[in-house]
């Protein structure tokens, strides 16, 4: 297939947020980097993967339960667990090794989208 757009840019999540500054601080505390900021728009990156934040002045209230999660696959999931615990972020699912070969945990994020850090468990 002939790609005119870089494959890593073809599918990008644009998250509507109620407070761009608050969301920016949250995602940067996890390790995202800001690569672009306009008045009500911000592009963040986790390595080569973008995440767009769009502030809506009339954003609806945060949902009662999470809408879903963004999975971030990392080499050092236990280090990310310690970082998130140190930041005092609400934990939705504690770190655990799952029977399907993933070690992961889920934390609450702003505006109803949670974050799932995961690592692949190496076979012994």
PDB file of N, CA and C in Angstrom:
ATOM      1  N   UNK A   1       0.837  -1.174   0.000  1.00  0.00           N
ATOM      2  CA  UNK A   1       0.000   0.000   0.000  1.00  0.00           C
ATOM      3  C   UNK A   1       0.880   1.235   0.000  1.00  0.00           C
ATOM      4  N   UNK A   2       0.584   2.170  -0.869  1.00  0.00           N
ATOM      5  CA  UNK A   2       1.329   3.420  -0.966  1.00  0.00           C
ATOM      6  C   UNK A   2       0.795   4.405   0.083  1.00  0.00           C
ATOM      7  N   UNK A   3       1.651   4.739   1.064  1.00  0.00           N
ATOM      8  CA  UNK A   3       1.229   5.653   2.136  1.00  0.00           C
ATOM      9  C   UNK A   3       1.638   7.077   1.810  1.00  0.00           C
ATOM     10  N   UNK A   4       0.678   7.967   1.790  1.00  0.00           N
ATOM     11  CA  UNK A   4       0.978   9.389   1.629  1.00  0.00           C
ATOM     12  C   UNK A   4       1.153  10.060   2.976  1.00  0.00           C
ATOM     13  N   UNK A   5       0.601   9.415   3.999  1.00  0.00           N
ATOM     14  CA  UNK A   5       0.721   9.902   5.363  1.00  0.00           C
ATOM     15  C   UNK A   5       1.531   8.871   6.140  1.00  0.00           C
ATOM     16  N   UNK A   6       2.409   9.337   7.017  1.00  0.00           N
ATOM     17  CA  UNK A   6       3.203   8.430   7.842  1.00  0.00           C
ATOM     18  C   UNK A   6       2.250   7.508   8.599  1.00  0.00           C
ATOM     19  N   UNK A   7       2.501   6.185   8.595  1.00  0.00           N
ATOM     20  CA  UNK A   7       1.591   5.238   9.249  1.00  0.00           C
ATOM     21  C   UNK A   7       1.303   5.570  10.718  1.00  0.00           C
ATOM     22  N   UNK A   8       2.260   6.147  11.419  1.00  0.00           N
ATOM     23  CA  UNK A   8       2.045   6.519  12.816  1.00  0.00           C
ATOM     24  C   UNK A   8       1.133   7.715  13.001  1.00  0.00           C
ATOM     25  N   UNK A   9       0.783   8.391  11.917  1.00  0.00           N
ATOM     26  CA  UNK A   9      -0.086   9.567  11.972  1.00  0.00           C
ATOM     27  C   UNK A   9      -1.479   9.286  11.411  1.00  0.00           C
ATOM     28  N   UNK A  10      -1.722   8.075  10.931  1.00  0.00           N
ATOM     29  CA  UNK A  10      -3.002   7.791  10.288  1.00  0.00           C
ATOM     30  C   UNK A  10      -4.159   7.710  11.262  1.00  0.00           C
ATOM     31  N   UNK A  11      -3.926   7.237  12.455  1.00  0.00           N
ATOM     32  CA  UNK A  11      -4.977   7.108  13.454  1.00  0.00           C
ATOM     33  C   UNK A  11      -4.496   7.803  14.718  1.00  0.00           C
ATOM     34  N   UNK A  12      -5.091   8.950  15.022  1.00  0.00           N
ATOM     35  CA  UNK A  12      -4.681   9.738  16.179  1.00  0.00           C
ATOM     36  C   UNK A  12      -5.915  10.032  17.022  1.00  0.00           C
ATOM     37  N   UNK A  13      -5.805   9.827  18.314  1.00  0.00           N
ATOM     38  CA  UNK A  13      -6.888  10.126  19.232  1.00  0.00           C
ATOM     39  C   UNK A  13      -6.876  11.619  19.533  1.00  0.00           C
ATOM     40  N   UNK A  14      -8.011  12.273  19.327  1.00  0.00           N
ATOM     41  CA  UNK A  14      -8.200  13.672  19.717  1.00  0.00           C
ATOM     42  C   UNK A  14      -9.168  13.651  20.887  1.00  0.00           C
ATOM     43  N   UNK A  15      -8.690  14.020  22.050  1.00  0.00           N
ATOM     44  CA  UNK A  15      -9.472  13.954  23.268  1.00  0.00           C
ATOM     45  C   UNK A  15     -10.017  15.336  23.608  1.00  0.00           C
ATOM     46  N   UNK A  16     -11.337  15.439  23.783  1.00  0.00           N
ATOM     47  CA  UNK A  16     -11.953  16.690  24.210  1.00  0.00           C
ATOM     48  C   UNK A  16     -11.761  16.829  25.713  1.00  0.00           C
ATOM     49  N   UNK A  17     -11.227  17.969  26.131  1.00  0.00           N
ATOM     50  CA  UNK A  17     -10.950  18.207  27.548  1.00  0.00           C
ATOM     51  C   UNK A  17     -11.629  19.486  28.002  1.00  0.00           C
ATOM     52  N   UNK A  18     -11.890  19.564  29.288  1.00  0.00           N
ATOM     53  CA  UNK A  18     -12.537  20.752  29.836  1.00  0.00           C
ATOM     54  C   UNK A  18     -11.521  21.819  30.230  1.00  0.00           C
ATOM     55  N   UNK A  19     -10.290  21.415  30.534  1.00  0.00           N
ATOM     56  CA  UNK A  19      -9.257  22.356  30.967  1.00  0.00           C
ATOM     57  C   UNK A  19      -7.923  21.910  30.370  1.00  0.00           C
ATOM     58  N   UNK A  20      -7.484  22.594  29.329  1.00  0.00           N
ATOM     59  CA  UNK A  20      -6.266  22.210  28.614  1.00  0.00           C
ATOM     60  C   UNK A  20      -5.038  22.239  29.523  1.00  0.00           C
ATOM     61  N   UNK A  21      -4.951  23.225  30.389  1.00  0.00           N
ATOM     62  CA  UNK A  21      -3.812  23.320  31.303  1.00  0.00           C
ATOM     63  C   UNK A  21      -3.750  22.149  32.266  1.00  0.00           C
ATOM     64  N   UNK A  22      -4.883  21.798  32.847  1.00  0.00           N
ATOM     65  CA  UNK A  22      -4.951  20.670  33.778  1.00  0.00           C
ATOM     66  C   UNK A  22      -4.599  19.361  33.067  1.00  0.00           C
ATOM     67  N   UNK A  23      -5.179  19.144  31.890  1.00  0.00           N
ATOM     68  CA  UNK A  23      -4.886  17.917  31.136  1.00  0.00           C
ATOM     69  C   UNK A  23      -3.430  17.865  30.723  1.00  0.00           C
ATOM     70  N   UNK A  24      -2.881  18.993  30.316  1.00  0.00           N
ATOM     71  CA  UNK A  24      -1.473  19.057  29.926  1.00  0.00           C
ATOM     72  C   UNK A  24      -0.570  18.655  31.088  1.00  0.00           C
ATOM     73  N   UNK A  25      -0.827  19.195  32.266  1.00  0.00           N
ATOM     74  CA  UNK A  25      -0.010  18.846  33.438  1.00  0.00           C
ATOM     75  C   UNK A  25      -0.098  17.352  33.737  1.00  0.00           C
ATOM     76  N   UNK A  26      -1.303  16.780  33.642  1.00  0.00           N
ATOM     77  CA  UNK A  26      -1.480  15.358  33.907  1.00  0.00           C
ATOM     78  C   UNK A  26      -0.656  14.516  32.943  1.00  0.00           C
ATOM     79  N   UNK A  27      -0.819  14.736  31.647  1.00  0.00           N
ATOM     80  CA  UNK A  27      -0.122  13.908  30.657  1.00  0.00           C
ATOM     81  C   UNK A  27       1.385  14.128  30.690  1.00  0.00           C
ATOM     82  N   UNK A  28       1.829  15.360  30.920  1.00  0.00           N
ATOM     83  CA  UNK A  28       3.277  15.602  31.029  1.00  0.00           C
ATOM     84  C   UNK A  28       3.857  14.914  32.255  1.00  0.00           C
ATOM     85  N   UNK A  29       3.096  14.836  33.353  1.00  0.00           N
ATOM     86  CA  UNK A  29       3.597  14.162  34.559  1.00  0.00           C
ATOM     87  C   UNK A  29       3.814  12.671  34.313  1.00  0.00           C
ATOM     88  N   UNK A  30       3.113  12.113  33.322  1.00  0.00           N
ATOM     89  CA  UNK A  30       3.277  10.699  32.976  1.00  0.00           C
ATOM     90  C   UNK A  30       4.426  10.455  32.012  1.00  0.00           C
ATOM     91  N   UNK A  31       4.923  11.515  31.370  1.00  0.00           N
ATOM     92  CA  UNK A  31       6.040  11.365  30.435  1.00  0.00           C
ATOM     93  C   UNK A  31       5.750  11.801  29.016  1.00  0.00           C
ATOM     94  N   UNK A  32       4.532  12.283  28.728  1.00  0.00           N
ATOM     95  CA  UNK A  32       4.238  12.820  27.401  1.00  0.00           C
ATOM     96  C   UNK A  32       4.986  14.131  27.215  1.00  0.00           C
ATOM     97  N   UNK A  33       5.334  14.447  25.965  1.00  0.00           N
ATOM     98  CA  UNK A  33       5.988  15.725  25.651  1.00  0.00           C
ATOM     99  C   UNK A  33       5.053  16.566  24.799  1.00  0.00           C
ATOM    100  N   UNK A  34       5.029  17.865  25.075  1.00  0.00           N
ATOM    101  CA  UNK A  34       4.231  18.793  24.270  1.00  0.00           C
ATOM    102  C   UNK A  34       5.025  19.131  23.018  1.00  0.00           C
ATOM    103  N   UNK A  35       4.427  18.939  21.844  1.00  0.00           N
ATOM    104  CA  UNK A  35       5.111  19.256  20.596  1.00  0.00           C
ATOM    105  C   UNK A  35       4.460  20.426  19.859  1.00  0.00           C
ATOM    106  N   UNK A  36       3.258  20.801  20.279  1.00  0.00           N
ATOM    107  CA  UNK A  36       2.578  21.938  19.647  1.00  0.00           C
ATOM    108  C   UNK A  36       1.467  22.416  20.563  1.00  0.00           C
ATOM    109  N   UNK A  37       1.299  23.742  20.628  1.00  0.00           N
ATOM    110  CA  UNK A  37       0.203  24.292  21.413  1.00  0.00           C
ATOM    111  C   UNK A  37      -0.335  25.526  20.715  1.00  0.00           C
ATOM    112  N   UNK A  38      -1.637  25.524  20.549  1.00  0.00           N
ATOM    113  CA  UNK A  38      -2.355  26.691  20.069  1.00  0.00           C
ATOM    114  C   UNK A  38      -3.304  27.106  21.194  1.00  0.00           C
ATOM    115  N   UNK A  39      -4.189  28.017  20.905  1.00  0.00           N
ATOM    116  CA  UNK A  39      -5.077  28.546  21.946  1.00  0.00           C
ATOM    117  C   UNK A  39      -5.851  27.452  22.675  1.00  0.00           C
ATOM    118  N   UNK A  40      -6.568  26.615  21.973  1.00  0.00           N
ATOM    119  CA  UNK A  40      -7.370  25.568  22.608  1.00  0.00           C
ATOM    120  C   UNK A  40      -7.008  24.162  22.101  1.00  0.00           C
ATOM    121  N   UNK A  41      -5.799  24.015  21.585  1.00  0.00           N
ATOM    122  CA  UNK A  41      -5.347  22.733  21.026  1.00  0.00           C
ATOM    123  C   UNK A  41      -3.920  22.457  21.479  1.00  0.00           C
ATOM    124  N   UNK A  42      -3.653  21.191  21.752  1.00  0.00           N
ATOM    125  CA  UNK A  42      -2.298  20.795  22.111  1.00  0.00           C
ATOM    126  C   UNK A  42      -2.008  19.427  21.493  1.00  0.00           C
ATOM    127  N   UNK A  43      -0.811  19.290  20.952  1.00  0.00           N
ATOM    128  CA  UNK A  43      -0.340  17.991  20.484  1.00  0.00           C
ATOM    129  C   UNK A  43       0.712  17.508  21.461  1.00  0.00           C
ATOM    130  N   UNK A  44       0.490  16.310  21.983  1.00  0.00           N
ATOM    131  CA  UNK A  44       1.445  15.657  22.858  1.00  0.00           C
ATOM    132  C   UNK A  44       1.999  14.445  22.132  1.00  0.00           C
ATOM    133  N   UNK A  45       3.133  13.940  22.588  1.00  0.00           N
ATOM    134  CA  UNK A  45       3.701  12.727  21.998  1.00  0.00           C
ATOM    135  C   UNK A  45       4.226  11.828  23.100  1.00  0.00           C
ATOM    136  N   UNK A  46       3.974  10.550  22.883  1.00  0.00           N
ATOM    137  CA  UNK A  46       4.624   9.494  23.652  1.00  0.00           C
ATOM    138  C   UNK A  46       5.532   8.812  22.638  1.00  0.00           C
ATOM    139  N   UNK A  47       6.826   9.091  22.732  1.00  0.00           N
ATOM    140  CA  UNK A  47       7.792   8.688  21.719  1.00  0.00           C
ATOM    141  C   UNK A  47       7.310   9.206  20.359  1.00  0.00           C
ATOM    142  N   UNK A  48       6.963   8.316  19.412  1.00  0.00           N
ATOM    143  CA  UNK A  48       6.544   8.776  18.085  1.00  0.00           C
ATOM    144  C   UNK A  48       5.027   8.843  17.921  1.00  0.00           C
ATOM    145  N   UNK A  49       4.277   8.574  18.988  1.00  0.00           N
ATOM    146  CA  UNK A  49       2.823   8.491  18.876  1.00  0.00           C
ATOM    147  C   UNK A  49       2.169   9.770  19.386  1.00  0.00           C
ATOM    148  N   UNK A  50       1.351  10.412  18.544  1.00  0.00           N
ATOM    149  CA  UNK A  50       0.704  11.656  18.957  1.00  0.00           C
ATOM    150  C   UNK A  50      -0.606  11.433  19.715  1.00  0.00           C
ATOM    151  N   UNK A  51      -0.939  12.396  20.542  1.00  0.00           N
ATOM    152  CA  UNK A  51      -2.224  12.491  21.224  1.00  0.00           C
ATOM    153  C   UNK A  51      -2.632  13.953  21.146  1.00  0.00           C
ATOM    154  N   UNK A  52      -3.828  14.213  20.639  1.00  0.00           N
ATOM    155  CA  UNK A  52      -4.319  15.579  20.532  1.00  0.00           C
ATOM    156  C   UNK A  52      -5.269  15.870  21.681  1.00  0.00           C
ATOM    157  N   UNK A  53      -5.138  17.047  22.278  1.00  0.00           N
ATOM    158  CA  UNK A  53      -6.074  17.524  23.287  1.00  0.00           C
ATOM    159  C   UNK A  53      -6.763  18.763  22.722  1.00  0.00           C
ATOM    160  N   UNK A  54      -8.082  18.806  22.798  1.00  0.00           N
ATOM    161  CA  UNK A  54      -8.862  19.931  22.298  1.00  0.00           C
ATOM    162  C   UNK A  54      -9.756  20.409  23.433  1.00  0.00           C
ATOM    163  N   UNK A  55      -9.539  21.635  23.873  1.00  0.00           N
ATOM    164  CA  UNK A  55     -10.351  22.182  24.956  1.00  0.00           C
ATOM    165  C   UNK A  55     -11.673  22.697  24.402  1.00  0.00           C
ATOM    166  N   UNK A  56     -12.747  22.214  25.015  1.00  0.00           N
ATOM    167  CA  UNK A  56     -14.087  22.680  24.656  1.00  0.00           C
ATOM    168  C   UNK A  56     -14.603  23.561  25.781  1.00  0.00           C
ATOM    169  N   UNK A  57     -14.975  24.785  25.442  1.00  0.00           N
ATOM    170  CA  UNK A  57     -15.492  25.700  26.455  1.00  0.00           C
ATOM    171  C   UNK A  57     -16.780  25.203  27.078  1.00  0.00           C
ATOM    172  N   UNK A  58     -17.557  24.473  26.334  1.00  0.00           N
ATOM    173  CA  UNK A  58     -18.827  23.959  26.848  1.00  0.00           C
ATOM    174  C   UNK A  58     -18.785  22.435  26.966  1.00  0.00           C
ATOM    175  N   UNK A  59     -17.649  21.917  27.405  1.00  0.00           N
ATOM    176  CA  UNK A  59     -17.488  20.462  27.531  1.00  0.00           C
ATOM    177  C   UNK A  59     -18.492  19.921  28.542  1.00  0.00           C
ATOM    178  N   UNK A  60     -19.053  18.750  28.259  1.00  0.00           N
ATOM    179  CA  UNK A  60     -19.977  18.142  29.226  1.00  0.00           C
ATOM    180  C   UNK A  60     -19.229  17.737  30.494  1.00  0.00           C
ATOM    181  N   UNK A  61     -19.988  17.508  31.559  1.00  0.00           N
ATOM    182  CA  UNK A  61     -19.380  17.064  32.809  1.00  0.00           C
ATOM    183  C   UNK A  61     -18.657  15.743  32.590  1.00  0.00           C
ATOM    184  N   UNK A  62     -17.628  15.516  33.417  1.00  0.00           N
ATOM    185  CA  UNK A  62     -16.879  14.262  33.322  1.00  0.00           C
ATOM    186  C   UNK A  62     -17.819  13.096  33.603  1.00  0.00           C
ATOM    187  N   UNK A  63     -17.726  12.030  32.820  1.00  0.00           N
ATOM    188  CA  UNK A  63     -18.613  10.887  33.035  1.00  0.00           C
ATOM    189  C   UNK A  63     -18.398  10.238  34.399  1.00  0.00           C
ATOM    190  N   UNK A  64     -19.418   9.567  34.886  1.00  0.00           N
ATOM    191  CA  UNK A  64     -19.354   8.909  36.185  1.00  0.00           C
ATOM    192  C   UNK A  64     -18.336   7.767  36.176  1.00  0.00           C
ATOM    193  N   UNK A  65     -18.259   7.033  35.073  1.00  0.00           N
ATOM    194  CA  UNK A  65     -17.275   5.959  34.962  1.00  0.00           C
ATOM    195  C   UNK A  65     -16.411   6.210  33.732  1.00  0.00           C
ATOM    196  N   UNK A  66     -15.197   5.652  33.699  1.00  0.00           N
ATOM    197  CA  UNK A  66     -14.302   5.891  32.564  1.00  0.00           C
ATOM    198  C   UNK A  66     -14.920   5.442  31.236  1.00  0.00           C
ATOM    199  N   UNK A  67     -14.625   6.210  30.195  1.00  0.00           N
ATOM    200  CA  UNK A  67     -15.102   5.888  28.854  1.00  0.00           C
ATOM    201  C   UNK A  67     -14.280   4.789  28.209  1.00  0.00           C
ATOM    202  N   UNK A  68     -13.056   4.658  28.617  1.00  0.00           N
ATOM    203  CA  UNK A  68     -12.126   3.705  28.045  1.00  0.00           C
ATOM    204  C   UNK A  68     -10.734   4.071  28.511  1.00  0.00           C
ATOM    205  N   UNK A  69      -9.713   3.467  27.883  1.00  0.00           N
ATOM    206  CA  UNK A  69      -8.352   3.815  28.275  1.00  0.00           C
ATOM    207  C   UNK A  69      -7.427   3.846  27.075  1.00  0.00           C
ATOM    208  N   UNK A  70      -6.351   4.563  27.265  1.00  0.00           N
ATOM    209  CA  UNK A  70      -5.257   4.579  26.297  1.00  0.00           C
ATOM    210  C   UNK A  70      -4.214   3.617  26.846  1.00  0.00           C
ATOM    211  N   UNK A  71      -3.854   2.599  26.070  1.00  0.00           N
ATOM    212  CA  UNK A  71      -2.809   1.675  26.510  1.00  0.00           C
ATOM    213  C   UNK A  71      -1.462   2.171  26.016  1.00  0.00           C
ATOM    214  N   UNK A  72      -0.525   2.231  26.943  1.00  0.00           N
ATOM    215  CA  UNK A  72       0.842   2.617  26.619  1.00  0.00           C
ATOM    216  C   UNK A  72       1.726   1.423  26.961  1.00  0.00           C
ATOM    217  N   UNK A  73       2.306   0.813  25.942  1.00  0.00           N
ATOM    218  CA  UNK A  73       3.167  -0.344  26.129  1.00  0.00           C
ATOM    219  C   UNK A  73       4.584   0.140  26.425  1.00  0.00           C
ATOM    220  N   UNK A  74       5.122  -0.282  27.560  1.00  0.00           N
ATOM    221  CA  UNK A  74       6.438   0.174  28.014  1.00  0.00           C
ATOM    222  C   UNK A  74       7.311  -1.017  28.399  1.00  0.00           C
ATOM    223  N   UNK A  75       8.612  -0.795  28.445  1.00  0.00           N
ATOM    224  CA  UNK A  75       9.550  -1.838  28.858  1.00  0.00           C
ATOM    225  C   UNK A  75       9.606  -1.982  30.379  1.00  0.00           C
ATOM    226  N   UNK A  76       9.284  -0.911  31.097  1.00  0.00           N
ATOM    227  CA  UNK A  76       9.499  -0.860  32.542  1.00  0.00           C
ATOM    228  C   UNK A  76       8.202  -0.493  33.269  1.00  0.00           C
ATOM    229  N   UNK A  77       7.201  -1.340  33.170  1.00  0.00           N
ATOM    230  CA  UNK A  77       5.884  -1.027  33.724  1.00  0.00           C
ATOM    231  C   UNK A  77       5.934  -0.801  35.241  1.00  0.00           C
ATOM    232  N   UNK A  78       6.795  -1.502  35.953  1.00  0.00           N
ATOM    233  CA  UNK A  78       6.878  -1.314  37.402  1.00  0.00           C
ATOM    234  C   UNK A  78       7.388   0.082  37.765  1.00  0.00           C
ATOM    235  N   UNK A  79       8.291   0.628  36.964  1.00  0.00           N
ATOM    236  CA  UNK A  79       8.763   1.997  37.202  1.00  0.00           C
ATOM    237  C   UNK A  79       7.629   2.999  36.990  1.00  0.00           C
ATOM    238  N   UNK A  80       6.799   2.775  35.982  1.00  0.00           N
ATOM    239  CA  UNK A  80       5.660   3.663  35.741  1.00  0.00           C
ATOM    240  C   UNK A  80       4.629   3.539  36.865  1.00  0.00           C
ATOM    241  N   UNK A  81       4.458   2.334  37.386  1.00  0.00           N
ATOM    242  CA  UNK A  81       3.575   2.112  38.522  1.00  0.00           C
ATOM    243  C   UNK A  81       4.042   2.951  39.716  1.00  0.00           C
ATOM    244  N   UNK A  82       5.325   2.876  40.025  1.00  0.00           N
ATOM    245  CA  UNK A  82       5.874   3.642  41.155  1.00  0.00           C
ATOM    246  C   UNK A  82       5.714   5.151  40.922  1.00  0.00           C
ATOM    247  N   UNK A  83       5.947   5.600  39.700  1.00  0.00           N
ATOM    248  CA  UNK A  83       5.806   7.023  39.374  1.00  0.00           C
ATOM    249  C   UNK A  83       4.370   7.481  39.614  1.00  0.00           C
ATOM    250  N   UNK A  84       3.411   6.725  39.111  1.00  0.00           N
ATOM    251  CA  UNK A  84       1.996   7.102  39.247  1.00  0.00           C
ATOM    252  C   UNK A  84       1.551   7.077  40.703  1.00  0.00           C
ATOM    253  N   UNK A  85       2.024   6.090  41.451  1.00  0.00           N
ATOM    254  CA  UNK A  85       1.704   6.030  42.878  1.00  0.00           C
ATOM    255  C   UNK A  85       2.290   7.241  43.593  1.00  0.00           C
ATOM    256  N   UNK A  86       3.515   7.617  43.228  1.00  0.00           N
ATOM    257  CA  UNK A  86       4.146   8.782  43.827  1.00  0.00           C
ATOM    258  C   UNK A  86       3.429  10.082  43.501  1.00  0.00           C
ATOM    259  N   UNK A  87       2.784  10.137  42.342  1.00  0.00           N
ATOM    260  CA  UNK A  87       2.028  11.326  41.946  1.00  0.00           C
ATOM    261  C   UNK A  87       0.651  11.367  42.598  1.00  0.00           C
ATOM    262  N   UNK A  88       0.259  10.279  43.247  1.00  0.00           N
ATOM    263  CA  UNK A  88      -1.034  10.244  43.916  1.00  0.00           C
ATOM    264  C   UNK A  88      -2.225  10.126  42.977  1.00  0.00           C
ATOM    265  N   UNK A  89      -2.001   9.591  41.785  1.00  0.00           N
ATOM    266  CA  UNK A  89      -3.074   9.446  40.801  1.00  0.00           C
ATOM    267  C   UNK A  89      -3.982   8.289  41.213  1.00  0.00           C
ATOM    268  N   UNK A  90      -5.282   8.476  41.042  1.00  0.00           N
ATOM    269  CA  UNK A  90      -6.252   7.452  41.399  1.00  0.00           C
ATOM    270  C   UNK A  90      -6.019   6.182  40.576  1.00  0.00           C
ATOM    271  N   UNK A  91      -5.926   5.060  41.259  1.00  0.00           N
ATOM    272  CA  UNK A  91      -5.712   3.765  40.615  1.00  0.00           C
ATOM    273  C   UNK A  91      -7.061   3.089  40.405  1.00  0.00           C
ATOM    274  N   UNK A  92      -7.334   2.679  39.175  1.00  0.00           N
ATOM    275  CA  UNK A  92      -8.566   1.963  38.862  1.00  0.00           C
ATOM    276  C   UNK A  92      -8.364   0.454  38.857  1.00  0.00           C
ATOM    277  N   UNK A  93      -7.153   0.027  38.517  1.00  0.00           N
ATOM    278  CA  UNK A  93      -6.819  -1.404  38.487  1.00  0.00           C
ATOM    279  C   UNK A  93      -5.357  -1.519  38.882  1.00  0.00           C
ATOM    280  N   UNK A  94      -5.080  -2.216  39.973  1.00  0.00           N
ATOM    281  CA  UNK A  94      -3.708  -2.311  40.480  1.00  0.00           C
ATOM    282  C   UNK A  94      -2.830  -3.125  39.538  1.00  0.00           C
ATOM    283  N   UNK A  95      -1.533  -2.929  39.685  1.00  0.00           N
ATOM    284  CA  UNK A  95      -0.595  -3.649  38.833  1.00  0.00           C
ATOM    285  C   UNK A  95      -0.666  -5.144  39.118  1.00  0.00           C
ATOM    286  N   UNK A  96      -0.667  -5.907  38.045  1.00  0.00           N
ATOM    287  CA  UNK A  96      -0.785  -7.354  38.157  1.00  0.00           C
ATOM    288  C   UNK A  96      -0.333  -7.979  36.841  1.00  0.00           C
ATOM    289  N   UNK A  97       0.189  -9.178  36.934  1.00  0.00           N
ATOM    290  CA  UNK A  97       0.534  -9.935  35.741  1.00  0.00           C
ATOM    291  C   UNK A  97      -0.691 -10.748  35.334  1.00  0.00           C
ATOM    292  N   UNK A  98      -1.150 -10.531  34.120  1.00  0.00           N
ATOM    293  CA  UNK A  98      -2.358 -11.195  33.616  1.00  0.00           C
ATOM    294  C   UNK A  98      -1.969 -12.527  32.973  1.00  0.00           C
ATOM    295  N   UNK A  99      -2.893 -13.444  32.914  1.00  0.00           N
ATOM    296  CA  UNK A  99      -2.597 -14.771  32.376  1.00  0.00           C
ATOM    297  C   UNK A  99      -2.362 -14.775  30.868  1.00  0.00           C
ATOM    298  N   UNK A 100      -2.590 -13.649  30.199  1.00  0.00           N
ATOM    299  CA  UNK A 100      -2.358 -13.575  28.754  1.00  0.00           C
ATOM    300  C   UNK A 100      -1.032 -12.908  28.404  1.00  0.00           C
ATOM    301  N   UNK A 101      -0.127 -12.790  29.406  1.00  0.00           N
ATOM    302  CA  UNK A 101       1.236 -12.353  29.119  1.00  0.00           C
ATOM    303  C   UNK A 101       1.503 -10.864  29.214  1.00  0.00           C
ATOM    304  N   UNK A 102       0.617 -10.134  29.859  1.00  0.00           N
ATOM    305  CA  UNK A 102       0.791  -8.688  30.042  1.00  0.00           C
ATOM    306  C   UNK A 102       0.804  -8.382  31.533  1.00  0.00           C
ATOM    307  N   UNK A 103       1.671  -7.473  31.938  1.00  0.00           N
ATOM    308  CA  UNK A 103       1.657  -6.924  33.298  1.00  0.00           C
ATOM    309  C   UNK A 103       1.203  -5.487  33.134  1.00  0.00           C
ATOM    310  N   UNK A 104       0.118  -5.103  33.821  1.00  0.00           N
ATOM    311  CA  UNK A 104      -0.427  -3.775  33.596  1.00  0.00           C
ATOM    312  C   UNK A 104      -1.141  -3.208  34.813  1.00  0.00           C
ATOM    313  N   UNK A 105      -1.478  -1.925  34.702  1.00  0.00           N
ATOM    314  CA  UNK A 105      -2.317  -1.247  35.683  1.00  0.00           C
ATOM    315  C   UNK A 105      -3.040  -0.115  34.967  1.00  0.00           C
ATOM    316  N   UNK A 106      -4.126   0.345  35.582  1.00  0.00           N
ATOM    317  CA  UNK A 106      -4.924   1.416  34.984  1.00  0.00           C
ATOM    318  C   UNK A 106      -5.108   2.523  36.013  1.00  0.00           C
ATOM    319  N   UNK A 107      -4.896   3.761  35.562  1.00  0.00           N
ATOM    320  CA  UNK A 107      -5.102   4.936  36.410  1.00  0.00           C
ATOM    321  C   UNK A 107      -6.179   5.825  35.796  1.00  0.00           C
ATOM    322  N   UNK A 108      -6.815   6.608  36.641  1.00  0.00           N
ATOM    323  CA  UNK A 108      -7.839   7.546  36.179  1.00  0.00           C
ATOM    324  C   UNK A 108      -7.165   8.756  35.553  1.00  0.00           C
ATOM    325  N   UNK A 109      -7.725   9.204  34.447  1.00  0.00           N
ATOM    326  CA  UNK A 109      -7.244  10.408  33.795  1.00  0.00           C
ATOM    327  C   UNK A 109      -8.332  11.468  33.804  1.00  0.00           C
ATOM    328  N   UNK A 110      -8.012  12.673  33.396  1.00  0.00           N
ATOM    329  CA  UNK A 110      -9.030  13.709  33.343  1.00  0.00           C
ATOM    330  C   UNK A 110     -10.029  13.462  32.221  1.00  0.00           C
ATOM    331  N   UNK A 111     -11.225  13.964  32.385  1.00  0.00           N
ATOM    332  CA  UNK A 111     -12.268  13.938  31.348  1.00  0.00           C
ATOM    333  C   UNK A 111     -12.725  12.549  30.944  1.00  0.00           C
ATOM    334  N   UNK A 112     -12.611  11.575  31.850  1.00  0.00           N
ATOM    335  CA  UNK A 112     -13.214  10.269  31.631  1.00  0.00           C
ATOM    336  C   UNK A 112     -12.406   9.250  30.866  1.00  0.00           C
ATOM    337  N   UNK A 113     -11.191   9.576  30.468  1.00  0.00           N
ATOM    338  CA  UNK A 113     -10.360   8.605  29.755  1.00  0.00           C
ATOM    339  C   UNK A 113      -9.234   8.173  30.686  1.00  0.00           C
ATOM    340  N   UNK A 114      -9.115   6.873  30.925  1.00  0.00           N
ATOM    341  CA  UNK A 114      -8.069   6.390  31.814  1.00  0.00           C
ATOM    342  C   UNK A 114      -6.838   5.968  31.009  1.00  0.00           C
ATOM    343  N   UNK A 115      -5.747   5.729  31.734  1.00  0.00           N
ATOM    344  CA  UNK A 115      -4.475   5.348  31.124  1.00  0.00           C
ATOM    345  C   UNK A 115      -4.101   3.963  31.628  1.00  0.00           C
ATOM    346  N   UNK A 116      -3.730   3.101  30.704  1.00  0.00           N
ATOM    347  CA  UNK A 116      -3.292   1.743  31.057  1.00  0.00           C
ATOM    348  C   UNK A 116      -1.843   1.582  30.616  1.00  0.00           C
ATOM    349  N   UNK A 117      -0.954   1.479  31.595  1.00  0.00           N
ATOM    350  CA  UNK A 117       0.441   1.166  31.302  1.00  0.00           C
ATOM    351  C   UNK A 117       0.573  -0.353  31.318  1.00  0.00           C
ATOM    352  N   UNK A 118       1.241  -0.904  30.307  1.00  0.00           N
ATOM    353  CA  UNK A 118       1.385  -2.347  30.196  1.00  0.00           C
ATOM    354  C   UNK A 118       2.779  -2.717  29.714  1.00  0.00           C
ATOM    355  N   UNK A 119       3.213  -3.872  30.151  1.00  0.00           N
ATOM    356  CA  UNK A 119       4.485  -4.432  29.696  1.00  0.00           C
ATOM    357  C   UNK A 119       4.283  -5.890  29.357  1.00  0.00           C
ATOM    358  N   UNK A 120       5.017  -6.356  28.389  1.00  0.00           N
ATOM    359  CA  UNK A 120       4.942  -7.761  28.000  1.00  0.00           C
ATOM    360  C   UNK A 120       5.798  -8.567  28.964  1.00  0.00           C
ATOM    361  N   UNK A 121       5.229  -9.630  29.490  1.00  0.00           N
ATOM    362  CA  UNK A 121       5.954 -10.490  30.422  1.00  0.00           C
ATOM    363  C   UNK A 121       6.827 -11.435  29.620  1.00  0.00           C
ATOM    364  N   UNK A 122       8.101 -11.452  29.945  1.00  0.00           N
ATOM    365  CA  UNK A 122       9.039 -12.319  29.236  1.00  0.00           C
ATOM    366  C   UNK A 122       8.915 -13.743  29.756  1.00  0.00           C
ATOM    367  N   UNK A 123       8.845 -14.673  28.847  1.00  0.00           N
ATOM    368  CA  UNK A 123       8.748 -16.085  29.220  1.00  0.00           C
ATOM    369  C   UNK A 123      10.055 -16.537  29.876  1.00  0.00           C
ATOM    370  N   UNK A 124       9.944 -17.352  30.877  1.00  0.00           N
ATOM    371  CA  UNK A 124      11.119 -17.851  31.603  1.00  0.00           C
ATOM    372  C   UNK A 124      11.520 -19.199  31.075  1.00  0.00           C
TER     373      UNK A 124
END
